C-alpha atoms as a PDB file:
ATOM      1  CA  MET A   1     -58.259  36.259 -16.460  1.00  0.00           C
ATOM      2  CA  LEU A   2     -54.943  34.793 -17.654  1.00  0.00           C
ATOM      3  CA  ALA A   3     -53.106  37.893 -16.506  1.00  0.00           C
ATOM      4  CA  GLY A   4     -54.370  37.302 -12.972  1.00  0.00           C
ATOM      5  CA  LEU A   5     -53.134  33.696 -13.031  1.00  0.00           C
ATOM      6  CA  ALA A   6     -49.681  34.750 -14.188  1.00  0.00           C
ATOM      7  CA  ASN A   7     -49.130  36.733 -10.987  1.00  0.00           C
ATOM      8  CA  LEU A   8     -49.764  33.749  -8.702  1.00  0.00           C
ATOM      9  CA  SER A   9     -46.796  32.392  -6.818  1.00  0.00           C
ATOM     10  CA  VAL A  10     -46.317  29.143  -4.907  1.00  0.00           C
ATOM     11  CA  THR A  11     -47.131  30.926  -1.656  1.00  0.00           C
ATOM     12  CA  ASP A  12     -50.409  32.143  -3.164  1.00  0.00           C
ATOM     13  CA  CYS A  13     -51.336  28.610  -4.191  1.00  0.00           C
ATOM     14  CA  GLY A  14     -54.370  27.522  -2.231  1.00  0.00           C
ATOM     15  CA  SER A  15     -54.611  30.753  -0.255  1.00  0.00           C
ATOM     16  CA  ASP A  16     -58.345  30.896  -0.979  1.00  0.00           C
ATOM     17  CA  ASP A  17     -58.902  27.302   0.148  1.00  0.00           C
ATOM     18  CA  PRO A  18     -57.995  26.653   3.830  1.00  0.00           C
ATOM     19  CA  ASP A  19     -57.928  22.857   3.365  1.00  0.00           C
ATOM     20  CA  LEU A  20     -55.651  23.118   0.330  1.00  0.00           C
ATOM     21  CA  LYS A  21     -53.463  25.642   2.144  1.00  0.00           C
ATOM     22  CA  ARG A  22     -53.048  23.240   5.110  1.00  0.00           C
ATOM     23  CA  GLU A  23     -52.219  20.382   2.709  1.00  0.00           C
ATOM     24  CA  MET A  24     -49.631  22.528   0.930  1.00  0.00           C
ATOM     25  CA  GLU A  25     -48.089  23.581   4.245  1.00  0.00           C
ATOM     26  CA  LYS A  26     -48.055  19.940   5.345  1.00  0.00           C
ATOM     27  CA  GLN A  27     -46.313  18.950   2.112  1.00  0.00           C
ATOM     28  CA  PHE A  28     -43.814  21.774   2.592  1.00  0.00           C
ATOM     29  CA  VAL A  29     -43.091  20.597   6.154  1.00  0.00           C
ATOM     30  CA  ASP A  30     -42.772  17.020   4.873  1.00  0.00           C
ATOM     31  CA  LEU A  31     -40.288  18.188   2.231  1.00  0.00           C
ATOM     32  CA  LEU A  32     -38.278  20.102   4.816  1.00  0.00           C
ATOM     33  CA  THR A  33     -38.325  17.071   7.116  1.00  0.00           C
ATOM     34  CA  GLU A  34     -37.149  14.841   4.295  1.00  0.00           C
ATOM     35  CA  GLU A  35     -34.398  17.310   3.414  1.00  0.00           C
ATOM     36  CA  LEU A  36     -33.226  17.394   7.031  1.00  0.00           C
ATOM     37  CA  LYS A  37     -33.210  13.591   7.158  1.00  0.00           C
ATOM     38  CA  LEU A  38     -31.154  13.478   3.970  1.00  0.00           C
ATOM     39  CA  GLN A  39     -28.709  16.021   5.341  1.00  0.00           C
ATOM     40  CA  GLU A  40     -28.462  14.003   8.563  1.00  0.00           C
ATOM     41  CA  ALA A  41     -27.798  10.809   6.573  1.00  0.00           C
ATOM     42  CA  VAL A  42     -25.087  12.553   4.557  1.00  0.00           C
ATOM     43  CA  ALA A  43     -23.538  13.925   7.750  1.00  0.00           C
ATOM     44  CA  GLU A  44     -23.606  10.497   9.393  1.00  0.00           C
ATOM     45  CA  GLU A  45     -21.980   8.946   6.326  1.00  0.00           C
ATOM     46  CA  HIS A  46     -19.354  11.680   6.384  1.00  0.00           C
ATOM     47  CA  ILE A  47     -18.702  11.073  10.090  1.00  0.00           C
ATOM     48  CA  HIS A  48     -18.468   7.322   9.473  1.00  0.00           C
ATOM     49  CA  HIS A  49     -15.981   7.901   6.646  1.00  0.00           C
ATOM     50  CA  MET A  50     -13.932  10.249   8.851  1.00  0.00           C
ATOM     51  CA  ASN A  51     -13.931   7.695  11.691  1.00  0.00           C
ATOM     52  CA  VAL A  52     -12.768   4.933   9.349  1.00  0.00           C
ATOM     53  CA  THR A  53     -10.091   7.205   7.887  1.00  0.00           C
ATOM     54  CA  PHE A  54      -8.992   8.302  11.354  1.00  0.00           C
ATOM     55  CA  ALA A  55      -8.799   4.701  12.594  1.00  0.00           C
ATOM     56  CA  GLU A  56      -6.720   3.741   9.550  1.00  0.00           C
ATOM     57  CA  ALA A  57      -4.434   6.727  10.103  1.00  0.00           C
ATOM     58  CA  LYS A  58      -3.960   5.727  13.752  1.00  0.00           C
ATOM     59  CA  ARG A  59      -3.190   2.137  12.705  1.00  0.00           C
ATOM     60  CA  VAL A  60      -0.622   3.238  10.134  1.00  0.00           C
ATOM     61  CA  ALA A  61       0.935   5.750  12.548  1.00  0.00           C
ATOM     62  CA  SER A  62       1.220   3.017  15.170  1.00  0.00           C
ATOM     63  CA  GLN A  63       2.862   0.713  12.631  1.00  0.00           C
ATOM     64  CA  TYR A  64       5.346   3.434  11.657  1.00  0.00           C
ATOM     65  CA  GLN A  65       6.035   4.097  15.338  1.00  0.00           C
ATOM     66  CA  ARG A  66       6.833   0.415  15.911  1.00  0.00           C
ATOM     67  CA  GLU A  67       9.126   0.400  12.874  1.00  0.00           C
ATOM     68  CA  ALA A  68      10.852   3.565  14.093  1.00  0.00           C
ATOM     69  CA  GLU A  69      11.391   1.977  17.512  1.00  0.00           C
ATOM     70  CA  LYS A  70      12.910  -1.108  15.834  1.00  0.00           C
ATOM     71  CA  CYS A  71      15.217   1.145  13.796  1.00  0.00           C
ATOM     72  CA  ASN A  72      16.248   3.069  16.909  1.00  0.00           C
ATOM     73  CA  ALA A  73      16.984  -0.167  18.775  1.00  0.00           C
ATOM     74  CA  ALA A  74      19.015  -1.495  15.831  1.00  0.00           C
ATOM     75  CA  THR A  75      20.918   1.790  15.600  1.00  0.00           C
ATOM     76  CA  GLU A  76      21.732   1.628  19.319  1.00  0.00           C
ATOM     77  CA  THR A  77      22.898  -1.968  18.951  1.00  0.00           C
ATOM     78  CA  CYS A  78      25.119  -1.021  16.001  1.00  0.00           C
ATOM     79  CA  GLU A  79      26.516   1.959  17.881  1.00  0.00           C
ATOM     80  CA  GLU A  80      27.333  -0.222  20.892  1.00  0.00           C
ATOM     81  CA  ALA A  81      29.011  -2.781  18.626  1.00  0.00           C
ATOM     82  CA  ARG A  82      30.998   0.005  16.902  1.00  0.00           C
ATOM     83  CA  GLU A  83      32.147   1.353  20.267  1.00  0.00           C
ATOM     84  CA  GLN A  84      33.203  -2.123  21.383  1.00  0.00           C
ATOM     85  CA  ALA A  85      35.059  -2.723  18.103  1.00  0.00           C
ATOM     86  CA  GLU A  86      36.797   0.642  18.452  1.00  0.00           C
ATOM     87  CA  ALA A  87      37.845  -0.176  22.018  1.00  0.00           C
ATOM     88  CA  LEU A  88      39.159  -3.596  20.890  1.00  0.00           C
ATOM     89  CA  LEU A  89      41.063  -1.994  18.010  1.00  0.00           C
ATOM     90  CA  ILE A  90      42.712   0.508  20.371  1.00  0.00           C
ATOM     91  CA  ARG A  91      43.645  -2.368  22.702  1.00  0.00           C
ATOM     92  CA  GLU A  92      45.047  -4.430  19.821  1.00  0.00           C
ATOM     93  CA  ARG A  93      47.075  -1.432  18.572  1.00  0.00           C
ATOM     94  CA  LYS A  94      48.568  -0.980  22.053  1.00  0.00           C
ATOM     95  CA  ILE A  95      49.470  -4.665  22.267  1.00  0.00           C
ATOM     96  CA  THR A  96      50.918  -4.628  18.728  1.00  0.00           C
ATOM     97  CA  SER A  97      52.953  -1.543  19.568  1.00  0.00           C
ATOM     98  CA  LEU A  98      54.233  -3.201  22.740  1.00  0.00           C
ATOM     99  CA  TRP A  99      55.245  -6.398  20.845  1.00  0.00           C
ATOM    100  CA  GLU A 100      56.855  -4.349  18.084  1.00  0.00           C
ATOM    101  CA  GLN A 101      58.796  -2.348  20.683  1.00  0.00           C
ATOM    102  CA  ARG A 102      60.037  -5.582  22.347  1.00  0.00           C
ATOM    103  CA  ALA A 103      60.944  -7.071  18.954  1.00  0.00           C
ATOM    104  CA  ARG A 104      62.996  -3.957  18.077  1.00  0.00           C
ATOM    105  CA  GLN A 105      64.771  -4.209  21.425  1.00  0.00           C
ATOM    106  CA  LEU A 106      65.689  -7.779  20.493  1.00  0.00           C
ATOM    107  CA  GLY A 107      67.069  -6.664  17.114  1.00  0.00           C
ATOM    108  CA  TRP A 108      64.128  -6.930  14.748  1.00  0.00           C
ATOM    109  CA  GLU A 109      64.197  -4.413  11.975  1.00  0.00           C
ATOM    110  CA  GLY A 110      60.764  -3.558  10.689  1.00  0.00           C
ATOM    111  CA  GLU A 111      59.757  -2.551   7.217  1.00  0.00           C
END
């Protein structure tokens, strides 16, 4: 008798009793339903986490973009100022050369 019981599997459980078999199938369906709900909850949590992470990444990227634009504007301003200073220096050198030339014509001996 024990040997016959050892060969029973979960699928055999209640196979002789239709009411018990229906109850077991119902419990199996309930377990599957619960498992699906758990998987759905995990997926929703994962999606929520991804959305939060994505929103944070967009915020940080936007902040870096604004900082990069500020740097570009400052670089342009510096470049314009450098060009203006260079133009003024060239002008001053021309004027200095002209004054030095006139001074030499009037007898000044430079260093």
